Amino acid sequence: MSDFDFSGLEEFTRALGGLNDRLVNKRVKGFLQKEGNKLRNHTKRIAAARVKKDTGRYLAGIKRGKAYLYQGDTWSIRTYNTKGHAHLIEDGHNIVRGGRIVGYQTGKKVFATAESQFTNEYFQDVEKFVDDILNEGWGF
């Protein structure tokens, strides 16, 4: 079990309460959209390397969503694939020939791999974003 002192965090939270919420939300949305674009591009690179058959449809379906408030209090953004066969490539599927199952194609796990590889870069970008906001003279 770890003990943390949150006294500084409480002061920081109170100070943030006085900021213009619209301005902060606009900055956060812009930041998340840039990070979503980076994740989308990273996902496309992994998909291009892992998916052997290249018709371009799977890669063209990888999109970035809009920044949104998750459960009303946490900003979030996602990447996803709009193509109907994407879940088959991602999770795996039976290989059927002539109505009979002749094998199984394992999933490529493109999005899971992209997420795990992108996590460190994302946290570094978040730290830089917070530092930039604080250094711009927002009263801290």
N, C-alpha and C. Protein backbone atom coordinates (compact mmCIF):
# COMPACT_ATOMS: atom_id res chain seq x y z
N MET A 1 0.85 -1.19 0.00
CA MET A 1 0.00 0.00 0.00
C MET A 1 0.89 1.24 0.00
N SER A 2 0.53 2.22 -0.79
CA SER A 2 1.31 3.45 -0.90
C SER A 2 0.52 4.61 -0.33
N ASP A 3 1.25 5.54 0.30
CA ASP A 3 0.62 6.74 0.83
C ASP A 3 1.05 7.92 -0.03
N PHE A 4 0.07 8.73 -0.38
CA PHE A 4 0.35 9.90 -1.20
C PHE A 4 -0.16 11.14 -0.50
N ASP A 5 0.56 12.24 -0.65
CA ASP A 5 0.15 13.52 -0.10
C ASP A 5 -0.49 14.32 -1.22
N PHE A 6 -1.79 14.55 -1.11
CA PHE A 6 -2.53 15.24 -2.16
C PHE A 6 -2.77 16.71 -1.85
N SER A 7 -2.08 17.29 -0.87
CA SER A 7 -2.33 18.68 -0.51
C SER A 7 -2.00 19.63 -1.65
N GLY A 8 -0.90 19.39 -2.36
CA GLY A 8 -0.56 20.24 -3.51
C GLY A 8 -1.54 20.09 -4.64
N LEU A 9 -2.07 18.89 -4.83
CA LEU A 9 -3.05 18.64 -5.88
C LEU A 9 -4.35 19.39 -5.61
N GLU A 10 -4.74 19.47 -4.35
CA GLU A 10 -5.97 20.19 -4.01
C GLU A 10 -5.83 21.68 -4.33
N GLU A 11 -4.66 22.26 -4.03
CA GLU A 11 -4.43 23.67 -4.36
C GLU A 11 -4.45 23.89 -5.87
N PHE A 12 -3.83 22.99 -6.58
CA PHE A 12 -3.80 23.07 -8.04
C PHE A 12 -5.22 22.98 -8.61
N THR A 13 -6.03 22.08 -8.06
CA THR A 13 -7.40 21.93 -8.52
C THR A 13 -8.22 23.19 -8.25
N ARG A 14 -8.04 23.77 -7.08
CA ARG A 14 -8.76 25.02 -6.77
C ARG A 14 -8.34 26.14 -7.71
N ALA A 15 -7.05 26.22 -8.02
CA ALA A 15 -6.56 27.25 -8.93
C ALA A 15 -7.11 27.05 -10.33
N LEU A 16 -7.21 25.79 -10.77
CA LEU A 16 -7.77 25.52 -12.09
C LEU A 16 -9.24 25.89 -12.17
N GLY A 17 -9.94 25.82 -11.04
CA GLY A 17 -11.36 26.14 -11.03
C GLY A 17 -11.63 27.57 -11.46
N GLY A 18 -10.67 28.46 -11.28
CA GLY A 18 -10.85 29.85 -11.65
C GLY A 18 -10.57 30.14 -13.12
N LEU A 19 -10.05 29.19 -13.85
CA LEU A 19 -9.75 29.42 -15.27
C LEU A 19 -11.01 29.37 -16.11
N ASN A 20 -10.92 29.95 -17.26
CA ASN A 20 -12.02 29.91 -18.20
C ASN A 20 -12.14 28.48 -18.75
N ASP A 21 -13.23 27.81 -18.40
CA ASP A 21 -13.40 26.41 -18.79
C ASP A 21 -13.44 26.24 -20.31
N ARG A 22 -14.03 27.19 -21.01
CA ARG A 22 -14.10 27.05 -22.47
C ARG A 22 -12.72 27.06 -23.09
N LEU A 23 -11.84 27.93 -22.59
CA LEU A 23 -10.49 28.02 -23.12
C LEU A 23 -9.70 26.74 -22.82
N VAL A 24 -9.82 26.25 -21.60
CA VAL A 24 -9.13 25.01 -21.23
C VAL A 24 -9.65 23.86 -22.07
N ASN A 25 -10.97 23.74 -22.21
CA ASN A 25 -11.54 22.65 -22.98
C ASN A 25 -11.10 22.70 -24.44
N LYS A 26 -10.99 23.89 -24.99
CA LYS A 26 -10.56 24.03 -26.38
C LYS A 26 -9.12 23.55 -26.54
N ARG A 27 -8.25 23.91 -25.61
CA ARG A 27 -6.85 23.49 -25.65
C ARG A 27 -6.74 21.97 -25.50
N VAL A 28 -7.52 21.41 -24.57
CA VAL A 28 -7.47 19.97 -24.34
C VAL A 28 -7.98 19.22 -25.56
N LYS A 29 -9.06 19.69 -26.16
CA LYS A 29 -9.60 19.05 -27.36
C LYS A 29 -8.57 19.04 -28.48
N GLY A 30 -7.92 20.18 -28.69
CA GLY A 30 -6.90 20.27 -29.73
C GLY A 30 -5.74 19.32 -29.47
N PHE A 31 -5.32 19.25 -28.22
CA PHE A 31 -4.24 18.34 -27.86
C PHE A 31 -4.65 16.89 -28.11
N LEU A 32 -5.85 16.52 -27.68
CA LEU A 32 -6.30 15.15 -27.85
C LEU A 32 -6.46 14.78 -29.33
N GLN A 33 -6.91 15.73 -30.15
CA GLN A 33 -7.03 15.44 -31.58
C GLN A 33 -5.66 15.18 -32.21
N LYS A 34 -4.65 15.96 -31.80
CA LYS A 34 -3.30 15.72 -32.32
C LYS A 34 -2.78 14.36 -31.87
N GLU A 35 -3.02 14.03 -30.62
CA GLU A 35 -2.58 12.72 -30.11
C GLU A 35 -3.35 11.59 -30.80
N GLY A 36 -4.63 11.80 -31.06
CA GLY A 36 -5.42 10.81 -31.79
C GLY A 36 -4.90 10.59 -33.19
N ASN A 37 -4.47 11.67 -33.84
CA ASN A 37 -3.88 11.54 -35.18
C ASN A 37 -2.57 10.74 -35.13
N LYS A 38 -1.76 11.00 -34.10
CA LYS A 38 -0.51 10.25 -33.96
C LYS A 38 -0.81 8.76 -33.75
N LEU A 39 -1.80 8.46 -32.90
CA LEU A 39 -2.15 7.06 -32.65
C LEU A 39 -2.71 6.40 -33.91
N ARG A 40 -3.52 7.13 -34.66
CA ARG A 40 -4.06 6.59 -35.91
C ARG A 40 -2.94 6.24 -36.88
N ASN A 41 -1.98 7.14 -37.04
CA ASN A 41 -0.86 6.90 -37.95
C ASN A 41 0.00 5.72 -37.47
N HIS A 42 0.20 5.64 -36.17
CA HIS A 42 0.97 4.54 -35.60
C HIS A 42 0.24 3.22 -35.84
N THR A 43 -1.07 3.22 -35.67
CA THR A 43 -1.89 2.02 -35.90
C THR A 43 -1.82 1.60 -37.37
N LYS A 44 -1.87 2.56 -38.28
CA LYS A 44 -1.79 2.23 -39.70
C LYS A 44 -0.45 1.62 -40.07
N ARG A 45 0.63 2.10 -39.46
CA ARG A 45 1.95 1.52 -39.73
C ARG A 45 2.01 0.07 -39.27
N ILE A 46 1.47 -0.21 -38.09
CA ILE A 46 1.46 -1.58 -37.57
C ILE A 46 0.58 -2.47 -38.44
N ALA A 47 -0.58 -1.95 -38.84
CA ALA A 47 -1.49 -2.74 -39.68
C ALA A 47 -0.85 -3.06 -41.03
N ALA A 48 -0.16 -2.11 -41.62
CA ALA A 48 0.49 -2.34 -42.91
C ALA A 48 1.56 -3.42 -42.79
N ALA A 49 2.22 -3.50 -41.66
CA ALA A 49 3.27 -4.49 -41.48
C ALA A 49 2.69 -5.88 -41.17
N ARG A 50 1.56 -5.94 -40.51
CA ARG A 50 1.03 -7.23 -40.05
C ARG A 50 0.02 -7.88 -40.99
N VAL A 51 -0.77 -7.08 -41.69
CA VAL A 51 -1.82 -7.63 -42.55
C VAL A 51 -1.22 -7.92 -43.91
N LYS A 52 -1.20 -9.19 -44.29
CA LYS A 52 -0.51 -9.61 -45.52
C LYS A 52 -1.26 -9.19 -46.78
N LYS A 53 -2.55 -9.48 -46.86
CA LYS A 53 -3.32 -9.16 -48.05
C LYS A 53 -3.64 -7.66 -48.05
N ASP A 54 -3.19 -6.96 -49.08
CA ASP A 54 -3.33 -5.51 -49.10
C ASP A 54 -4.26 -5.07 -50.22
N THR A 55 -5.52 -4.89 -49.87
CA THR A 55 -6.45 -4.30 -50.83
C THR A 55 -6.63 -2.82 -50.53
N GLY A 56 -6.15 -2.39 -49.36
CA GLY A 56 -6.27 -1.00 -48.96
C GLY A 56 -7.52 -0.69 -48.18
N ARG A 57 -8.46 -1.61 -48.15
CA ARG A 57 -9.72 -1.34 -47.47
C ARG A 57 -9.57 -1.32 -45.96
N TYR A 58 -8.81 -2.26 -45.42
CA TYR A 58 -8.61 -2.31 -43.97
C TYR A 58 -7.89 -1.06 -43.47
N LEU A 59 -6.83 -0.67 -44.16
CA LEU A 59 -6.07 0.52 -43.75
C LEU A 59 -6.90 1.79 -43.91
N ALA A 60 -7.70 1.86 -44.96
CA ALA A 60 -8.52 3.06 -45.19
C ALA A 60 -9.60 3.22 -44.13
N GLY A 61 -9.95 2.13 -43.47
CA GLY A 61 -11.00 2.19 -42.46
C GLY A 61 -10.55 2.65 -41.09
N ILE A 62 -9.24 2.79 -40.88
CA ILE A 62 -8.73 3.22 -39.56
C ILE A 62 -8.94 4.72 -39.43
N LYS A 63 -9.73 5.12 -38.43
CA LYS A 63 -10.12 6.52 -38.25
C LYS A 63 -9.84 6.98 -36.82
N ARG A 64 -9.85 8.30 -36.65
CA ARG A 64 -9.77 8.93 -35.33
C ARG A 64 -11.13 9.53 -35.02
N GLY A 65 -11.63 9.29 -33.83
CA GLY A 65 -12.90 9.87 -33.44
C GLY A 65 -12.72 11.29 -32.92
N LYS A 66 -13.81 11.87 -32.48
CA LYS A 66 -13.78 13.21 -31.90
C LYS A 66 -13.42 13.12 -30.42
N ALA A 67 -12.86 14.19 -29.89
CA ALA A 67 -12.60 14.27 -28.46
C ALA A 67 -13.95 14.45 -27.76
N TYR A 68 -14.14 13.71 -26.68
CA TYR A 68 -15.42 13.76 -25.97
C TYR A 68 -15.19 13.59 -24.48
N LEU A 69 -16.18 13.99 -23.70
CA LEU A 69 -16.12 13.80 -22.26
C LEU A 69 -16.64 12.41 -21.92
N TYR A 70 -15.79 11.56 -21.38
CA TYR A 70 -16.14 10.20 -21.02
C TYR A 70 -16.74 10.21 -19.63
N GLN A 71 -17.96 9.74 -19.49
CA GLN A 71 -18.71 9.72 -18.23
C GLN A 71 -18.78 11.10 -17.60
N GLY A 72 -18.78 12.13 -18.44
CA GLY A 72 -19.03 13.49 -17.99
C GLY A 72 -17.88 14.23 -17.35
N ASP A 73 -16.73 13.59 -17.11
CA ASP A 73 -15.67 14.31 -16.41
C ASP A 73 -14.25 14.06 -16.94
N THR A 74 -14.06 13.11 -17.82
CA THR A 74 -12.73 12.78 -18.32
C THR A 74 -12.71 12.90 -19.84
N TRP A 75 -11.77 13.69 -20.35
CA TRP A 75 -11.64 13.83 -21.79
C TRP A 75 -11.05 12.56 -22.38
N SER A 76 -11.54 12.16 -23.54
CA SER A 76 -11.09 10.94 -24.18
C SER A 76 -11.17 11.08 -25.69
N ILE A 77 -10.43 10.22 -26.38
CA ILE A 77 -10.48 10.14 -27.84
C ILE A 77 -10.16 8.70 -28.20
N ARG A 78 -10.63 8.25 -29.35
CA ARG A 78 -10.39 6.86 -29.72
C ARG A 78 -10.04 6.75 -31.19
N THR A 79 -9.38 5.65 -31.52
CA THR A 79 -9.18 5.27 -32.91
C THR A 79 -9.95 3.98 -33.12
N TYR A 80 -10.44 3.78 -34.31
CA TYR A 80 -11.28 2.62 -34.59
C TYR A 80 -11.23 2.32 -36.07
N ASN A 81 -11.80 1.18 -36.46
CA ASN A 81 -11.87 0.81 -37.86
C ASN A 81 -13.33 0.72 -38.27
N THR A 82 -13.68 1.37 -39.36
CA THR A 82 -15.08 1.43 -39.81
C THR A 82 -15.47 0.26 -40.70
N LYS A 83 -14.52 -0.52 -41.15
CA LYS A 83 -14.82 -1.61 -42.08
C LYS A 83 -15.46 -2.79 -41.36
N GLY A 84 -16.39 -3.44 -42.02
CA GLY A 84 -17.14 -4.53 -41.43
C GLY A 84 -16.32 -5.77 -41.13
N HIS A 85 -15.22 -5.95 -41.83
CA HIS A 85 -14.40 -7.14 -41.61
C HIS A 85 -13.24 -6.89 -40.65
N ALA A 86 -13.17 -5.70 -40.07
CA ALA A 86 -12.04 -5.35 -39.20
C ALA A 86 -11.95 -6.25 -37.97
N HIS A 87 -13.09 -6.60 -37.39
CA HIS A 87 -13.05 -7.45 -36.19
C HIS A 87 -12.50 -8.84 -36.51
N LEU A 88 -12.68 -9.30 -37.73
CA LEU A 88 -12.15 -10.60 -38.12
C LEU A 88 -10.62 -10.57 -38.18
N ILE A 89 -10.08 -9.49 -38.72
CA ILE A 89 -8.63 -9.34 -38.79
C ILE A 89 -8.06 -9.12 -37.38
N GLU A 90 -8.74 -8.35 -36.59
CA GLU A 90 -8.27 -8.01 -35.25
C GLU A 90 -8.32 -9.21 -34.31
N ASP A 91 -9.43 -9.94 -34.30
CA ASP A 91 -9.65 -10.99 -33.31
C ASP A 91 -9.45 -12.41 -33.83
N GLY A 92 -9.40 -12.61 -35.13
CA GLY A 92 -9.25 -13.95 -35.71
C GLY A 92 -10.59 -14.50 -36.18
N HIS A 93 -10.52 -15.57 -37.01
CA HIS A 93 -11.75 -16.14 -37.56
C HIS A 93 -11.47 -17.53 -38.11
N ASN A 94 -12.55 -18.30 -38.29
CA ASN A 94 -12.44 -19.62 -38.92
C ASN A 94 -12.23 -19.45 -40.41
N ILE A 95 -11.44 -20.32 -41.01
CA ILE A 95 -11.26 -20.34 -42.46
C ILE A 95 -12.22 -21.39 -43.00
N VAL A 96 -13.13 -20.95 -43.87
CA VAL A 96 -14.18 -21.83 -44.38
C VAL A 96 -14.00 -22.00 -45.89
N ARG A 97 -13.96 -23.25 -46.34
CA ARG A 97 -13.88 -23.57 -47.76
C ARG A 97 -14.97 -24.58 -48.07
N GLY A 98 -15.82 -24.27 -49.01
CA GLY A 98 -16.89 -25.18 -49.40
C GLY A 98 -17.86 -25.49 -48.26
N GLY A 99 -18.06 -24.54 -47.38
CA GLY A 99 -18.99 -24.73 -46.27
C GLY A 99 -18.41 -25.49 -45.09
N ARG A 100 -17.14 -25.87 -45.17
CA ARG A 100 -16.51 -26.60 -44.08
C ARG A 100 -15.38 -25.78 -43.48
N ILE A 101 -15.20 -25.90 -42.18
CA ILE A 101 -14.12 -25.21 -41.50
C ILE A 101 -12.83 -26.00 -41.74
N VAL A 102 -11.87 -25.34 -42.35
CA VAL A 102 -10.62 -26.02 -42.67
C VAL A 102 -9.44 -25.48 -41.87
N GLY A 103 -9.67 -24.47 -41.06
CA GLY A 103 -8.57 -23.92 -40.26
C GLY A 103 -9.03 -22.70 -39.48
N TYR A 104 -8.05 -22.08 -38.84
CA TYR A 104 -8.33 -20.88 -38.05
C TYR A 104 -7.23 -19.86 -38.31
N GLN A 105 -7.62 -18.65 -38.59
CA GLN A 105 -6.68 -17.54 -38.77
C GLN A 105 -6.62 -16.76 -37.46
N THR A 106 -5.46 -16.70 -36.83
CA THR A 106 -5.34 -15.97 -35.57
C THR A 106 -5.45 -14.47 -35.82
N GLY A 107 -5.89 -13.76 -34.80
CA GLY A 107 -6.05 -12.32 -34.91
C GLY A 107 -4.72 -11.60 -34.93
N LYS A 108 -4.70 -10.46 -35.60
CA LYS A 108 -3.48 -9.67 -35.73
C LYS A 108 -3.26 -8.74 -34.54
N LYS A 109 -4.30 -8.43 -33.80
CA LYS A 109 -4.22 -7.57 -32.60
C LYS A 109 -3.52 -6.25 -32.89
N VAL A 110 -3.92 -5.61 -33.96
CA VAL A 110 -3.30 -4.37 -34.41
C VAL A 110 -3.54 -3.24 -33.40
N PHE A 111 -4.77 -3.07 -32.97
CA PHE A 111 -5.10 -1.96 -32.08
C PHE A 111 -4.51 -2.16 -30.68
N ALA A 112 -4.50 -3.38 -30.19
CA ALA A 112 -3.92 -3.65 -28.86
C ALA A 112 -2.42 -3.36 -28.86
N THR A 113 -1.75 -3.77 -29.92
CA THR A 113 -0.31 -3.52 -30.03
C THR A 113 -0.03 -2.03 -30.15
N ALA A 114 -0.80 -1.34 -30.97
CA ALA A 114 -0.60 0.09 -31.14
C ALA A 114 -0.81 0.83 -29.82
N GLU A 115 -1.82 0.43 -29.08
CA GLU A 115 -2.09 1.07 -27.79
C GLU A 115 -0.92 0.88 -26.83
N SER A 116 -0.43 -0.35 -26.71
CA SER A 116 0.65 -0.61 -25.77
C SER A 116 1.94 0.10 -26.18
N GLN A 117 2.21 0.19 -27.47
CA GLN A 117 3.42 0.86 -27.94
C GLN A 117 3.32 2.38 -27.84
N PHE A 118 2.12 2.92 -27.94
CA PHE A 118 1.94 4.37 -27.96
C PHE A 118 1.82 4.96 -26.55
N THR A 119 1.60 4.15 -25.55
CA THR A 119 1.32 4.64 -24.20
C THR A 119 2.43 5.54 -23.67
N ASN A 120 3.68 5.12 -23.77
CA ASN A 120 4.79 5.93 -23.23
C ASN A 120 4.90 7.28 -23.94
N GLU A 121 4.78 7.27 -25.26
CA GLU A 121 4.85 8.52 -26.01
C GLU A 121 3.71 9.45 -25.60
N TYR A 122 2.53 8.89 -25.39
CA TYR A 122 1.38 9.69 -24.99
C TYR A 122 1.63 10.36 -23.63
N PHE A 123 2.13 9.61 -22.66
CA PHE A 123 2.36 10.18 -21.34
C PHE A 123 3.44 11.27 -21.38
N GLN A 124 4.45 11.09 -22.22
CA GLN A 124 5.45 12.14 -22.39
C GLN A 124 4.84 13.40 -22.99
N ASP A 125 3.95 13.21 -23.98
CA ASP A 125 3.28 14.36 -24.60
C ASP A 125 2.36 15.07 -23.61
N VAL A 126 1.69 14.31 -22.74
CA VAL A 126 0.82 14.91 -21.73
C VAL A 126 1.64 15.75 -20.77
N GLU A 127 2.76 15.23 -20.31
CA GLU A 127 3.63 15.99 -19.41
C GLU A 127 4.09 17.29 -20.06
N LYS A 128 4.49 17.20 -21.32
CA LYS A 128 4.93 18.39 -22.04
C LYS A 128 3.78 19.39 -22.20
N PHE A 129 2.57 18.89 -22.49
CA PHE A 129 1.40 19.75 -22.64
C PHE A 129 1.09 20.49 -21.34
N VAL A 130 1.12 19.77 -20.23
CA VAL A 130 0.83 20.40 -18.93
C VAL A 130 1.91 21.42 -18.60
N ASP A 131 3.17 21.08 -18.84
CA ASP A 131 4.25 22.03 -18.59
C ASP A 131 4.09 23.28 -19.44
N ASP A 132 3.73 23.12 -20.71
CA ASP A 132 3.54 24.27 -21.59
C ASP A 132 2.42 25.18 -21.10
N ILE A 133 1.32 24.58 -20.65
CA ILE A 133 0.20 25.37 -20.13
C ILE A 133 0.64 26.15 -18.89
N LEU A 134 1.35 25.47 -18.00
CA LEU A 134 1.76 26.13 -16.76
C LEU A 134 2.80 27.21 -17.02
N ASN A 135 3.64 27.00 -18.02
CA ASN A 135 4.69 27.99 -18.34
C ASN A 135 4.16 29.20 -19.11
N GLU A 136 2.95 29.10 -19.64
CA GLU A 136 2.39 30.22 -20.40
C GLU A 136 1.83 31.32 -19.51
N GLY A 137 1.96 31.15 -18.22
CA GLY A 137 1.50 32.20 -17.31
C GLY A 137 0.03 32.11 -17.00
N TRP A 138 -0.43 30.95 -16.69
CA TRP A 138 -1.84 30.77 -16.34
C TRP A 138 -2.10 31.00 -14.86
N GLY A 139 -1.18 31.70 -14.22
CA GLY A 139 -1.40 32.04 -12.83
C GLY A 139 -0.85 31.03 -11.84
N PHE A 140 0.09 30.22 -12.27
CA PHE A 140 0.64 29.22 -11.35
C PHE A 140 2.09 29.54 -11.07
